Amino acid sequence: MVAIMTRGAWVALAAIFLPLAVVLGLVMTPVWRDNARLEALYERASDYPLPPRTREYFPMDRDVTFGKNLIGGSGSYCDYRIRITLATALTEKEIRDYYDKATIRGAEHKAMISLYFQDPDEAGGRRVIVEVYDSHRWNWDWRCI
């Protein structure tokens, strides 16, 4: 025989689960928003055209990071960082000139771009790490407290 829940049982279940759902929504909404911002920054950084005579060194292995104060300092900031490793035949100056002109939009303003160079190899090529970084003040995402 199937038991039929009474109206009182439904009210009791709603009294238990509705507050939990509200708290979950309040806690997770900033997380979902910042995850979407990180994904959008990743897509903009990935879609930005590479310099000539340059390719991704590890096309399937990009470093995508979100967290509090990734570059140090104090305060409650939410930071986004994308790292892409490139192999290039260009000089350090040519790469710097190319990325000095780059504009990649961050979550709230233009993202910062940093470059890290390795010494050239025997063939004259080099690896370059392109780091795209953005940050904003804490906005209720518990991961940035």
N, C-alpha and C. Protein backbone atom coordinates (compact mmCIF):
# COMPACT_ATOMS: atom_id res chain seq x y z
N MET A 1 0.84 -1.16 0.00
CA MET A 1 0.00 0.00 0.00
C MET A 1 0.90 1.24 0.00
N VAL A 2 0.55 2.21 -0.78
CA VAL A 2 1.31 3.44 -0.89
C VAL A 2 0.81 4.42 0.17
N ALA A 3 1.74 4.94 0.91
CA ALA A 3 1.37 5.88 1.95
C ALA A 3 1.19 7.26 1.33
N ILE A 4 0.16 7.91 1.67
CA ILE A 4 -0.12 9.26 1.17
C ILE A 4 0.29 10.24 2.25
N MET A 5 1.10 11.22 1.83
CA MET A 5 1.57 12.21 2.81
C MET A 5 0.45 13.19 3.11
N THR A 6 0.35 13.51 4.35
CA THR A 6 -0.66 14.48 4.76
C THR A 6 -0.16 15.89 4.51
N ARG A 7 -1.04 16.81 4.58
CA ARG A 7 -0.68 18.22 4.38
C ARG A 7 0.34 18.66 5.43
N GLY A 8 0.24 18.18 6.61
CA GLY A 8 1.19 18.52 7.67
C GLY A 8 2.59 18.01 7.38
N ALA A 9 2.68 16.82 6.77
CA ALA A 9 3.99 16.27 6.41
C ALA A 9 4.64 17.12 5.33
N TRP A 10 3.85 17.58 4.35
CA TRP A 10 4.39 18.45 3.29
C TRP A 10 4.88 19.77 3.87
N VAL A 11 4.14 20.32 4.79
CA VAL A 11 4.54 21.58 5.43
C VAL A 11 5.84 21.38 6.22
N ALA A 12 5.96 20.27 6.91
CA ALA A 12 7.17 19.99 7.67
C ALA A 12 8.38 19.84 6.74
N LEU A 13 8.21 19.11 5.63
CA LEU A 13 9.30 18.97 4.67
C LEU A 13 9.69 20.32 4.07
N ALA A 14 8.69 21.12 3.74
CA ALA A 14 8.98 22.45 3.17
C ALA A 14 9.69 23.31 4.20
N ALA A 15 9.31 23.21 5.46
CA ALA A 15 9.95 24.01 6.50
C ALA A 15 11.42 23.61 6.69
N ILE A 16 11.75 22.38 6.37
CA ILE A 16 13.14 21.92 6.48
C ILE A 16 13.93 22.29 5.24
N PHE A 17 13.42 21.97 4.07
CA PHE A 17 14.20 22.08 2.84
C PHE A 17 14.19 23.47 2.21
N LEU A 18 13.14 24.23 2.38
CA LEU A 18 13.09 25.57 1.78
C LEU A 18 14.18 26.48 2.34
N PRO A 19 14.39 26.56 3.65
CA PRO A 19 15.50 27.39 4.15
C PRO A 19 16.87 26.91 3.65
N LEU A 20 17.04 25.60 3.56
CA LEU A 20 18.31 25.07 3.03
C LEU A 20 18.52 25.49 1.58
N ALA A 21 17.47 25.46 0.78
CA ALA A 21 17.57 25.87 -0.62
C ALA A 21 17.88 27.36 -0.74
N VAL A 22 17.29 28.16 0.11
CA VAL A 22 17.54 29.61 0.08
C VAL A 22 18.99 29.90 0.47
N VAL A 23 19.47 29.27 1.53
CA VAL A 23 20.86 29.47 1.96
C VAL A 23 21.83 29.00 0.87
N LEU A 24 21.55 27.85 0.29
CA LEU A 24 22.39 27.35 -0.80
C LEU A 24 22.42 28.33 -1.96
N GLY A 25 21.29 28.87 -2.33
CA GLY A 25 21.22 29.85 -3.41
C GLY A 25 22.00 31.12 -3.08
N LEU A 26 21.89 31.59 -1.85
CA LEU A 26 22.62 32.80 -1.44
C LEU A 26 24.13 32.58 -1.43
N VAL A 27 24.56 31.40 -0.99
CA VAL A 27 25.99 31.10 -0.91
C VAL A 27 26.58 30.82 -2.29
N MET A 28 25.84 30.13 -3.13
CA MET A 28 26.38 29.68 -4.41
C MET A 28 26.24 30.70 -5.54
N THR A 29 25.32 31.63 -5.46
CA THR A 29 25.15 32.60 -6.55
C THR A 29 26.45 33.37 -6.85
N PRO A 30 27.17 33.91 -5.85
CA PRO A 30 28.44 34.57 -6.16
C PRO A 30 29.49 33.61 -6.74
N VAL A 31 29.49 32.37 -6.32
CA VAL A 31 30.44 31.38 -6.84
C VAL A 31 30.14 31.14 -8.32
N TRP A 32 28.88 30.93 -8.65
CA TRP A 32 28.50 30.69 -10.04
C TRP A 32 28.83 31.91 -10.91
N ARG A 33 28.60 33.11 -10.37
CA ARG A 33 28.91 34.33 -11.12
C ARG A 33 30.41 34.44 -11.39
N ASP A 34 31.25 34.20 -10.37
CA ASP A 34 32.70 34.30 -10.56
C ASP A 34 33.24 33.17 -11.44
N ASN A 35 32.63 31.99 -11.37
CA ASN A 35 33.03 30.92 -12.28
C ASN A 35 32.73 31.31 -13.73
N ALA A 36 31.59 31.96 -13.96
CA ALA A 36 31.25 32.41 -15.31
C ALA A 36 32.22 33.50 -15.77
N ARG A 37 32.61 34.39 -14.87
CA ARG A 37 33.59 35.42 -15.21
C ARG A 37 34.95 34.81 -15.57
N LEU A 38 35.37 33.80 -14.82
CA LEU A 38 36.63 33.12 -15.11
C LEU A 38 36.55 32.43 -16.47
N GLU A 39 35.46 31.76 -16.73
CA GLU A 39 35.29 31.08 -18.02
C GLU A 39 35.30 32.09 -19.17
N ALA A 40 34.65 33.24 -19.00
CA ALA A 40 34.64 34.26 -20.05
C ALA A 40 36.05 34.82 -20.28
N LEU A 41 36.81 35.06 -19.20
CA LEU A 41 38.18 35.54 -19.36
C LEU A 41 39.03 34.49 -20.07
N TYR A 42 38.85 33.24 -19.71
CA TYR A 42 39.58 32.15 -20.36
C TYR A 42 39.28 32.13 -21.87
N GLU A 43 38.03 32.26 -22.23
CA GLU A 43 37.66 32.26 -23.64
C GLU A 43 38.26 33.46 -24.38
N ARG A 44 38.22 34.64 -23.76
CA ARG A 44 38.80 35.83 -24.41
C ARG A 44 40.31 35.69 -24.56
N ALA A 45 40.99 35.15 -23.54
CA ALA A 45 42.44 34.95 -23.63
C ALA A 45 42.78 33.89 -24.67
N SER A 46 42.00 32.83 -24.73
CA SER A 46 42.25 31.76 -25.70
C SER A 46 41.96 32.20 -27.13
N ASP A 47 40.96 33.04 -27.29
CA ASP A 47 40.57 33.49 -28.63
C ASP A 47 41.46 34.59 -29.18
N TYR A 48 42.26 35.22 -28.31
CA TYR A 48 43.12 36.30 -28.79
C TYR A 48 44.14 35.71 -29.76
N PRO A 49 44.31 36.32 -30.93
CA PRO A 49 45.22 35.73 -31.93
C PRO A 49 46.66 35.67 -31.44
N LEU A 50 47.33 34.60 -31.80
CA LEU A 50 48.74 34.45 -31.44
C LEU A 50 49.60 35.31 -32.37
N PRO A 51 50.77 35.71 -31.89
CA PRO A 51 51.70 36.44 -32.77
C PRO A 51 52.12 35.55 -33.94
N PRO A 52 52.65 36.16 -35.00
CA PRO A 52 53.13 35.34 -36.11
C PRO A 52 54.28 34.43 -35.66
N ARG A 53 54.44 33.30 -36.35
CA ARG A 53 55.51 32.34 -36.07
C ARG A 53 55.50 31.87 -34.61
N THR A 54 54.28 31.75 -34.08
CA THR A 54 54.09 31.35 -32.69
C THR A 54 52.96 30.33 -32.63
N ARG A 55 53.12 29.34 -31.74
CA ARG A 55 52.07 28.34 -31.52
C ARG A 55 52.00 28.06 -30.03
N GLU A 56 50.90 27.44 -29.63
CA GLU A 56 50.80 27.02 -28.23
C GLU A 56 51.71 25.82 -28.01
N TYR A 57 52.45 25.86 -26.93
CA TYR A 57 53.37 24.77 -26.62
C TYR A 57 52.62 23.56 -26.08
N PHE A 58 51.66 23.80 -25.20
CA PHE A 58 50.82 22.75 -24.63
C PHE A 58 49.36 23.11 -24.90
N PRO A 59 48.83 22.84 -26.09
CA PRO A 59 47.48 23.32 -26.41
C PRO A 59 46.39 22.79 -25.48
N MET A 60 46.58 21.64 -24.90
CA MET A 60 45.54 21.07 -24.04
C MET A 60 45.83 21.30 -22.55
N ASP A 61 46.86 22.05 -22.23
CA ASP A 61 47.26 22.20 -20.84
C ASP A 61 47.44 23.68 -20.49
N ARG A 62 46.35 24.36 -20.30
CA ARG A 62 46.39 25.76 -19.88
C ARG A 62 46.12 25.82 -18.38
N ASP A 63 46.72 26.78 -17.73
CA ASP A 63 46.54 26.94 -16.29
C ASP A 63 45.49 28.02 -16.06
N VAL A 64 44.36 27.62 -15.49
CA VAL A 64 43.26 28.53 -15.20
C VAL A 64 43.05 28.51 -13.69
N THR A 65 43.20 29.68 -13.06
CA THR A 65 43.17 29.74 -11.60
C THR A 65 42.26 30.86 -11.13
N PHE A 66 41.53 30.61 -10.05
CA PHE A 66 40.71 31.61 -9.39
C PHE A 66 40.99 31.51 -7.90
N GLY A 67 41.09 32.64 -7.22
CA GLY A 67 41.29 32.59 -5.78
C GLY A 67 41.49 33.96 -5.19
N LYS A 68 41.86 33.95 -3.93
CA LYS A 68 42.07 35.19 -3.18
C LYS A 68 43.53 35.61 -3.27
N ASN A 69 43.75 36.86 -3.66
CA ASN A 69 45.08 37.48 -3.64
C ASN A 69 46.15 36.57 -4.26
N LEU A 70 45.95 36.16 -5.50
CA LEU A 70 46.88 35.25 -6.16
C LEU A 70 48.28 35.84 -6.32
N ILE A 71 48.37 37.16 -6.41
CA ILE A 71 49.69 37.77 -6.57
C ILE A 71 50.19 38.38 -5.27
N GLY A 72 49.55 38.03 -4.17
CA GLY A 72 49.98 38.52 -2.87
C GLY A 72 49.21 39.75 -2.45
N GLY A 73 49.64 40.30 -1.36
CA GLY A 73 48.98 41.49 -0.84
C GLY A 73 47.94 41.13 0.21
N SER A 74 47.27 42.17 0.68
CA SER A 74 46.25 41.96 1.70
C SER A 74 44.91 42.44 1.15
N GLY A 75 43.89 42.16 1.87
CA GLY A 75 42.55 42.55 1.44
C GLY A 75 41.83 41.36 0.85
N SER A 76 40.57 41.56 0.63
CA SER A 76 39.73 40.50 0.06
C SER A 76 39.47 40.82 -1.40
N TYR A 77 40.25 40.22 -2.25
CA TYR A 77 40.10 40.38 -3.69
C TYR A 77 39.87 39.02 -4.33
N CYS A 78 39.08 39.01 -5.38
CA CYS A 78 38.89 37.82 -6.19
C CYS A 78 39.76 37.99 -7.42
N ASP A 79 40.67 37.06 -7.62
CA ASP A 79 41.64 37.14 -8.72
C ASP A 79 41.41 36.02 -9.72
N TYR A 80 41.61 36.37 -10.98
CA TYR A 80 41.49 35.43 -12.10
C TYR A 80 42.83 35.40 -12.82
N ARG A 81 43.35 34.21 -13.12
CA ARG A 81 44.63 34.14 -13.83
C ARG A 81 44.57 33.00 -14.85
N ILE A 82 44.96 33.33 -16.07
CA ILE A 82 45.06 32.37 -17.16
C ILE A 82 46.51 32.36 -17.61
N ARG A 83 47.12 31.19 -17.71
CA ARG A 83 48.50 31.07 -18.22
C ARG A 83 48.50 30.17 -19.45
N ILE A 84 49.12 30.69 -20.51
CA ILE A 84 49.24 29.96 -21.76
C ILE A 84 50.72 29.93 -22.13
N THR A 85 51.25 28.75 -22.39
CA THR A 85 52.65 28.61 -22.78
C THR A 85 52.75 28.56 -24.30
N LEU A 86 53.61 29.41 -24.85
CA LEU A 86 53.79 29.51 -26.29
C LEU A 86 55.19 29.09 -26.68
N ALA A 87 55.32 28.62 -27.91
CA ALA A 87 56.62 28.39 -28.53
C ALA A 87 56.69 29.38 -29.69
N THR A 88 57.78 30.15 -29.76
CA THR A 88 57.86 31.20 -30.77
C THR A 88 59.25 31.28 -31.37
N ALA A 89 59.29 31.79 -32.58
CA ALA A 89 60.56 32.09 -33.24
C ALA A 89 60.85 33.58 -33.16
N LEU A 90 59.96 34.34 -32.55
CA LEU A 90 60.13 35.79 -32.43
C LEU A 90 61.10 36.14 -31.30
N THR A 91 61.63 37.34 -31.37
CA THR A 91 62.50 37.82 -30.30
C THR A 91 61.66 38.26 -29.11
N GLU A 92 62.31 38.43 -27.98
CA GLU A 92 61.62 38.90 -26.78
C GLU A 92 60.98 40.26 -27.04
N LYS A 93 61.68 41.14 -27.72
CA LYS A 93 61.15 42.47 -28.03
C LYS A 93 59.91 42.38 -28.92
N GLU A 94 59.93 41.50 -29.92
CA GLU A 94 58.78 41.36 -30.81
C GLU A 94 57.56 40.84 -30.06
N ILE A 95 57.77 39.91 -29.16
CA ILE A 95 56.66 39.39 -28.35
C ILE A 95 56.13 40.49 -27.43
N ARG A 96 57.03 41.21 -26.77
CA ARG A 96 56.60 42.31 -25.89
C ARG A 96 55.82 43.36 -26.66
N ASP A 97 56.32 43.74 -27.84
CA ASP A 97 55.61 44.73 -28.65
C ASP A 97 54.21 44.24 -29.03
N TYR A 98 54.10 42.97 -29.37
CA TYR A 98 52.81 42.40 -29.76
C TYR A 98 51.82 42.45 -28.59
N TYR A 99 52.25 42.00 -27.42
CA TYR A 99 51.33 41.94 -26.28
C TYR A 99 51.14 43.29 -25.60
N ASP A 100 52.03 44.24 -25.82
CA ASP A 100 51.80 45.60 -25.32
C ASP A 100 50.59 46.23 -25.98
N LYS A 101 50.28 45.82 -27.20
CA LYS A 101 49.13 46.35 -27.94
C LYS A 101 47.86 45.55 -27.68
N ALA A 102 47.99 44.43 -26.99
CA ALA A 102 46.84 43.54 -26.78
C ALA A 102 45.85 44.15 -25.79
N THR A 103 44.59 43.96 -26.07
CA THR A 103 43.53 44.37 -25.17
C THR A 103 42.62 43.17 -24.96
N ILE A 104 42.66 42.63 -23.76
CA ILE A 104 41.78 41.53 -23.39
C ILE A 104 40.94 42.03 -22.21
N ARG A 105 39.64 42.02 -22.40
CA ARG A 105 38.74 42.53 -21.37
C ARG A 105 38.67 41.55 -20.21
N GLY A 106 38.77 42.08 -18.99
CA GLY A 106 38.66 41.27 -17.80
C GLY A 106 37.23 41.26 -17.29
N ALA A 107 37.04 40.92 -16.03
CA ALA A 107 35.71 40.87 -15.43
C ALA A 107 35.09 42.26 -15.34
N GLU A 108 35.89 43.26 -14.97
CA GLU A 108 35.36 44.60 -14.79
C GLU A 108 36.12 45.66 -15.58
N HIS A 109 37.33 45.36 -16.02
CA HIS A 109 38.14 46.32 -16.77
C HIS A 109 39.15 45.54 -17.59
N LYS A 110 40.08 46.22 -18.22
CA LYS A 110 41.09 45.56 -19.05
C LYS A 110 41.96 44.65 -18.19
N ALA A 111 42.18 43.44 -18.67
CA ALA A 111 43.03 42.48 -17.96
C ALA A 111 44.49 42.88 -18.12
N MET A 112 45.30 42.55 -17.13
CA MET A 112 46.74 42.79 -17.21
C MET A 112 47.39 41.58 -17.88
N ILE A 113 48.41 41.84 -18.68
CA ILE A 113 49.12 40.77 -19.37
C ILE A 113 50.58 40.82 -18.95
N SER A 114 51.10 39.70 -18.47
CA SER A 114 52.51 39.58 -18.10
C SER A 114 53.14 38.50 -18.96
N LEU A 115 54.43 38.68 -19.25
CA LEU A 115 55.16 37.72 -20.07
C LEU A 115 56.37 37.20 -19.32
N TYR A 116 56.62 35.91 -19.43
CA TYR A 116 57.77 35.28 -18.79
C TYR A 116 58.51 34.48 -19.87
N PHE A 117 59.79 34.77 -20.06
CA PHE A 117 60.57 34.20 -21.16
C PHE A 117 61.57 33.18 -20.65
N GLN A 118 61.77 32.13 -21.46
CA GLN A 118 62.86 31.19 -21.24
C GLN A 118 63.95 31.51 -22.26
N ASP A 119 65.15 31.08 -21.98
CA ASP A 119 66.25 31.29 -22.93
C ASP A 119 65.96 30.56 -24.23
N PRO A 120 66.46 31.09 -25.36
CA PRO A 120 66.25 30.41 -26.65
C PRO A 120 66.89 29.03 -26.65
N ASP A 121 66.29 28.10 -27.41
CA ASP A 121 66.87 26.77 -27.55
C ASP A 121 67.88 26.74 -28.70
N GLU A 122 68.42 25.57 -29.00
CA GLU A 122 69.46 25.45 -30.03
C GLU A 122 68.96 25.90 -31.40
N ALA A 123 67.68 25.73 -31.68
CA ALA A 123 67.12 26.09 -32.98
C ALA A 123 66.74 27.57 -33.05
N GLY A 124 66.92 28.31 -31.97
CA GLY A 124 66.58 29.73 -31.96
C GLY A 124 65.17 30.02 -31.48
N GLY A 125 64.39 28.99 -31.19
CA GLY A 125 63.04 29.20 -30.66
C GLY A 125 63.08 29.39 -29.15
N ARG A 126 61.98 29.85 -28.60
CA ARG A 126 61.91 30.03 -27.15
C ARG A 126 60.49 29.78 -26.68
N ARG A 127 60.38 29.51 -25.41
CA ARG A 127 59.07 29.41 -24.77
C ARG A 127 58.75 30.71 -24.08
N VAL A 128 57.48 31.07 -24.13
CA VAL A 128 56.99 32.28 -23.47
C VAL A 128 55.71 31.91 -22.73
N ILE A 129 55.63 32.30 -21.48
CA ILE A 129 54.38 32.13 -20.74
C ILE A 129 53.65 33.46 -20.78
N VAL A 130 52.43 33.43 -21.29
CA VAL A 130 51.58 34.62 -21.32
C VAL A 130 50.60 34.46 -20.17
N GLU A 131 50.60 35.42 -19.26
CA GLU A 131 49.71 35.37 -18.11
C GLU A 131 48.71 36.51 -18.22
N VAL A 132 47.44 36.16 -18.25
CA VAL A 132 46.36 37.15 -18.30
C VAL A 132 45.73 37.17 -16.91
N TYR A 133 45.68 38.35 -16.32
CA TYR A 133 45.28 38.47 -14.91
C TYR A 133 44.22 39.55 -14.77
N ASP A 134 43.24 39.30 -13.92
CA ASP A 134 42.23 40.30 -13.59
C ASP A 134 41.84 40.11 -12.13
N SER A 135 41.30 41.16 -11.54
CA SER A 135 40.95 41.14 -10.13
C SER A 135 39.80 42.10 -9.86
N HIS A 136 39.04 41.82 -8.82
CA HIS A 136 38.04 42.78 -8.33
C HIS A 136 37.86 42.57 -6.83
N ARG A 137 37.30 43.57 -6.18
CA ARG A 137 37.09 43.49 -4.74
C ARG A 137 36.09 42.38 -4.42
N TRP A 138 36.15 41.90 -3.20
CA TRP A 138 35.28 40.82 -2.75
C TRP A 138 33.83 41.17 -2.99
N ASN A 139 33.07 40.21 -3.49
CA ASN A 139 31.66 40.43 -3.78
C ASN A 139 30.81 39.25 -3.30
N TRP A 140 31.08 38.81 -2.11
CA TRP A 140 30.34 37.78 -1.41
C TRP A 140 30.70 36.36 -1.84
N ASP A 141 31.72 36.19 -2.67
CA ASP A 141 32.17 34.83 -3.00
C ASP A 141 33.03 34.35 -1.83
N TRP A 142 32.61 33.30 -1.16
CA TRP A 142 33.29 32.84 0.05
C TRP A 142 34.73 32.42 -0.21
N ARG A 143 35.09 32.14 -1.46
CA ARG A 143 36.46 31.72 -1.78
C ARG A 143 37.44 32.89 -1.72
N CYS A 144 36.95 34.11 -1.62
CA CYS A 144 37.81 35.30 -1.62
C CYS A 144 37.85 35.99 -0.27
N ILE A 145 37.33 35.36 0.75
CA ILE A 145 37.33 35.99 2.09
C ILE A 145 38.72 35.93 2.67
